[in-house]
Amino acid sequence: MADCAPCRLYVGDEIAEVLSVMVEEMQRRGVQVSVGVLGGCFSIAIPVLGTIRGTFKVSGQSLAVEIQSRPSDVGCGTIEGKIQDFILDAKAEVKNRRKRDETNPR
């Protein structure tokens, strides 16, 4: 049973590329993430408080996110906001990579 209400977070047309960059960034920040063809799961250790565990699935141009467990001191909105931040950061990185590629063609 989910610990938070499921949510859908809009990503856009470039969902595959954004998801790839988002996973790289999450792993770089210490989040354990495993990804399959259309989704995956994640585990975020929060020092002293515990661990947030959840899943995500690609659904059109969005990610459907479900939190299975979380420390009681961490609100569902806070978790949703943090995942949205990862998406926004990944979208910005995809855009920056494209600009670099256009500026420096091989």
C-alpha atoms as a PDB file:
ATOM      1  CA  MET A   1       0.000   0.000   0.000  1.00  0.00           C
ATOM      2  CA  ALA A   2       1.235   3.485  -0.870  1.00  0.00           C
ATOM      3  CA  ASP A   3       2.319   5.824   1.904  1.00  0.00           C
ATOM      4  CA  CYS A   4       1.389   8.904  -0.183  1.00  0.00           C
ATOM      5  CA  ALA A   5      -1.266   9.477  -2.824  1.00  0.00           C
ATOM      6  CA  PRO A   6       0.146   8.606  -6.271  1.00  0.00           C
ATOM      7  CA  CYS A   7       1.093  11.626  -8.366  1.00  0.00           C
ATOM      8  CA  ARG A   8       1.815  12.346 -12.008  1.00  0.00           C
ATOM      9  CA  LEU A   9       4.652  14.710 -12.826  1.00  0.00           C
ATOM     10  CA  TYR A  10       4.815  16.209 -16.308  1.00  0.00           C
ATOM     11  CA  VAL A  11       8.103  15.743 -18.167  1.00  0.00           C
ATOM     12  CA  GLY A  12       7.326  16.465 -21.822  1.00  0.00           C
ATOM     13  CA  ASP A  13       8.165  15.175 -25.284  1.00  0.00           C
ATOM     14  CA  GLU A  14      11.767  14.282 -24.462  1.00  0.00           C
ATOM     15  CA  ILE A  15      10.859  11.969 -21.592  1.00  0.00           C
ATOM     16  CA  ALA A  16      13.394   9.230 -22.444  1.00  0.00           C
ATOM     17  CA  GLU A  17      16.316  11.646 -22.553  1.00  0.00           C
ATOM     18  CA  VAL A  18      15.170  13.596 -19.494  1.00  0.00           C
ATOM     19  CA  LEU A  19      14.622  10.387 -17.526  1.00  0.00           C
ATOM     20  CA  SER A  20      18.129   9.185 -18.382  1.00  0.00           C
ATOM     21  CA  VAL A  21      19.706  12.465 -17.211  1.00  0.00           C
ATOM     22  CA  MET A  22      17.473  12.539 -14.120  1.00  0.00           C
ATOM     23  CA  VAL A  23      18.574   9.043 -13.086  1.00  0.00           C
ATOM     24  CA  GLU A  24      22.250   9.984 -13.572  1.00  0.00           C
ATOM     25  CA  GLU A  25      21.783  13.036 -11.348  1.00  0.00           C
ATOM     26  CA  MET A  26      19.865  11.131  -8.686  1.00  0.00           C
ATOM     27  CA  GLN A  27      22.621   8.498  -8.537  1.00  0.00           C
ATOM     28  CA  ARG A  28      25.276  11.208  -8.390  1.00  0.00           C
ATOM     29  CA  ARG A  29      23.472  12.619  -5.333  1.00  0.00           C
ATOM     30  CA  GLY A  30      23.408   9.247  -3.582  1.00  0.00           C
ATOM     31  CA  VAL A  31      19.908   8.075  -4.468  1.00  0.00           C
ATOM     32  CA  GLN A  32      19.660   4.375  -5.237  1.00  0.00           C
ATOM     33  CA  VAL A  33      17.757   4.055  -8.512  1.00  0.00           C
ATOM     34  CA  SER A  34      17.075   1.077 -10.722  1.00  0.00           C
ATOM     35  CA  VAL A  35      15.420   1.603 -14.085  1.00  0.00           C
ATOM     36  CA  GLY A  36      13.670  -0.719 -16.505  1.00  0.00           C
ATOM     37  CA  VAL A  37      12.109  -0.074 -19.887  1.00  0.00           C
ATOM     38  CA  LEU A  38       9.117   1.947 -18.683  1.00  0.00           C
ATOM     39  CA  GLY A  39       9.925   2.796 -15.094  1.00  0.00           C
ATOM     40  CA  GLY A  40      11.843   1.890 -11.998  1.00  0.00           C
ATOM     41  CA  CYS A  41      12.228   2.259  -8.278  1.00  0.00           C
ATOM     42  CA  PHE A  42      14.212   4.494  -5.967  1.00  0.00           C
ATOM     43  CA  SER A  43      15.416   4.605  -2.398  1.00  0.00           C
ATOM     44  CA  ILE A  44      16.535   7.811  -0.699  1.00  0.00           C
ATOM     45  CA  ALA A  45      18.281   7.533   2.666  1.00  0.00           C
ATOM     46  CA  ILE A  46      17.515  10.458   4.972  1.00  0.00           C
ATOM     47  CA  PRO A  47      20.106  10.603   7.769  1.00  0.00           C
ATOM     48  CA  VAL A  48      18.594   9.978  11.211  1.00  0.00           C
ATOM     49  CA  LEU A  49      15.012   9.851   9.866  1.00  0.00           C
ATOM     50  CA  GLY A  50      14.983   6.741   7.671  1.00  0.00           C
ATOM     51  CA  THR A  51      14.437   5.918   4.008  1.00  0.00           C
ATOM     52  CA  ILE A  52      11.989   6.982   1.315  1.00  0.00           C
ATOM     53  CA  ARG A  53      11.092   4.180  -1.101  1.00  0.00           C
ATOM     54  CA  GLY A  54       9.046   4.586  -4.235  1.00  0.00           C
ATOM     55  CA  THR A  55       8.408   3.620  -7.829  1.00  0.00           C
ATOM     56  CA  PHE A  56       7.868   5.513 -11.062  1.00  0.00           C
ATOM     57  CA  LYS A  57       6.399   4.567 -14.424  1.00  0.00           C
ATOM     58  CA  VAL A  58       6.475   6.391 -17.732  1.00  0.00           C
ATOM     59  CA  SER A  59       2.920   7.314 -18.638  1.00  0.00           C
ATOM     60  CA  GLY A  60       2.766   9.283 -21.880  1.00  0.00           C
ATOM     61  CA  GLN A  61       4.720  12.483 -21.269  1.00  0.00           C
ATOM     62  CA  SER A  62       4.598  12.121 -17.479  1.00  0.00           C
ATOM     63  CA  LEU A  63       6.009  10.032 -14.673  1.00  0.00           C
ATOM     64  CA  ALA A  64       3.516   8.308 -12.415  1.00  0.00           C
ATOM     65  CA  VAL A  65       5.170   8.274  -8.980  1.00  0.00           C
ATOM     66  CA  GLU A  66       4.119   6.212  -5.989  1.00  0.00           C
ATOM     67  CA  ILE A  67       5.766   6.391  -2.565  1.00  0.00           C
ATOM     68  CA  GLN A  68       5.655   3.016  -0.784  1.00  0.00           C
ATOM     69  CA  SER A  69       7.261   4.143   2.469  1.00  0.00           C
ATOM     70  CA  ARG A  70       8.648   7.281   4.039  1.00  0.00           C
ATOM     71  CA  PRO A  71       9.674   8.591   7.446  1.00  0.00           C
ATOM     72  CA  SER A  72       6.677  10.188   9.139  1.00  0.00           C
ATOM     73  CA  ASP A  73       8.632  13.452   9.483  1.00  0.00           C
ATOM     74  CA  VAL A  74       8.921  13.820   5.680  1.00  0.00           C
ATOM     75  CA  GLY A  75       5.760  15.096   4.005  1.00  0.00           C
ATOM     76  CA  CYS A  76       4.409  13.713   0.746  1.00  0.00           C
ATOM     77  CA  GLY A  77       4.460  17.203  -0.798  1.00  0.00           C
ATOM     78  CA  THR A  78       8.125  17.587   0.082  1.00  0.00           C
ATOM     79  CA  ILE A  79       8.951  14.313  -1.665  1.00  0.00           C
ATOM     80  CA  GLU A  80       6.882  15.223  -4.728  1.00  0.00           C
ATOM     81  CA  GLY A  81       8.601  18.617  -4.874  1.00  0.00           C
ATOM     82  CA  LYS A  82      12.063  17.046  -4.687  1.00  0.00           C
ATOM     83  CA  ILE A  83      11.288  14.648  -7.531  1.00  0.00           C
ATOM     84  CA  GLN A  84       9.916  17.581  -9.546  1.00  0.00           C
ATOM     85  CA  ASP A  85      13.214  19.398  -8.886  1.00  0.00           C
ATOM     86  CA  PHE A  86      15.122  16.403 -10.289  1.00  0.00           C
ATOM     87  CA  ILE A  87      12.931  16.544 -13.411  1.00  0.00           C
ATOM     88  CA  LEU A  88      13.437  20.290 -13.872  1.00  0.00           C
ATOM     89  CA  ASP A  89      17.201  19.979 -13.371  1.00  0.00           C
ATOM     90  CA  ALA A  90      17.323  17.139 -15.922  1.00  0.00           C
ATOM     91  CA  LYS A  91      15.294  19.149 -18.459  1.00  0.00           C
ATOM     92  CA  ALA A  92      17.696  22.080 -18.058  1.00  0.00           C
ATOM     93  CA  GLU A  93      20.701  19.772 -18.512  1.00  0.00           C
ATOM     94  CA  VAL A  94      19.193  18.248 -21.682  1.00  0.00           C
ATOM     95  CA  LYS A  95      18.644  21.764 -23.045  1.00  0.00           C
ATOM     96  CA  ASN A  96      22.216  22.788 -22.143  1.00  0.00           C
ATOM     97  CA  ARG A  97      23.673  19.683 -23.789  1.00  0.00           C
ATOM     98  CA  ARG A  98      21.780  20.448 -26.974  1.00  0.00           C
ATOM     99  CA  LYS A  99      23.079  24.022 -27.004  1.00  0.00           C
ATOM    100  CA  ARG A 100      26.645  22.778 -26.501  1.00  0.00           C
ATOM    101  CA  ASP A 101      26.211  20.270 -29.321  1.00  0.00           C
ATOM    102  CA  GLU A 102      24.892  23.000 -31.649  1.00  0.00           C
ATOM    103  CA  THR A 103      27.760  25.316 -30.713  1.00  0.00           C
ATOM    104  CA  ASN A 104      30.457  22.645 -31.011  1.00  0.00           C
ATOM    105  CA  PRO A 105      29.465  20.318 -33.870  1.00  0.00           C
ATOM    106  CA  ARG A 106      31.748  17.342 -34.351  1.00  0.00           C
END
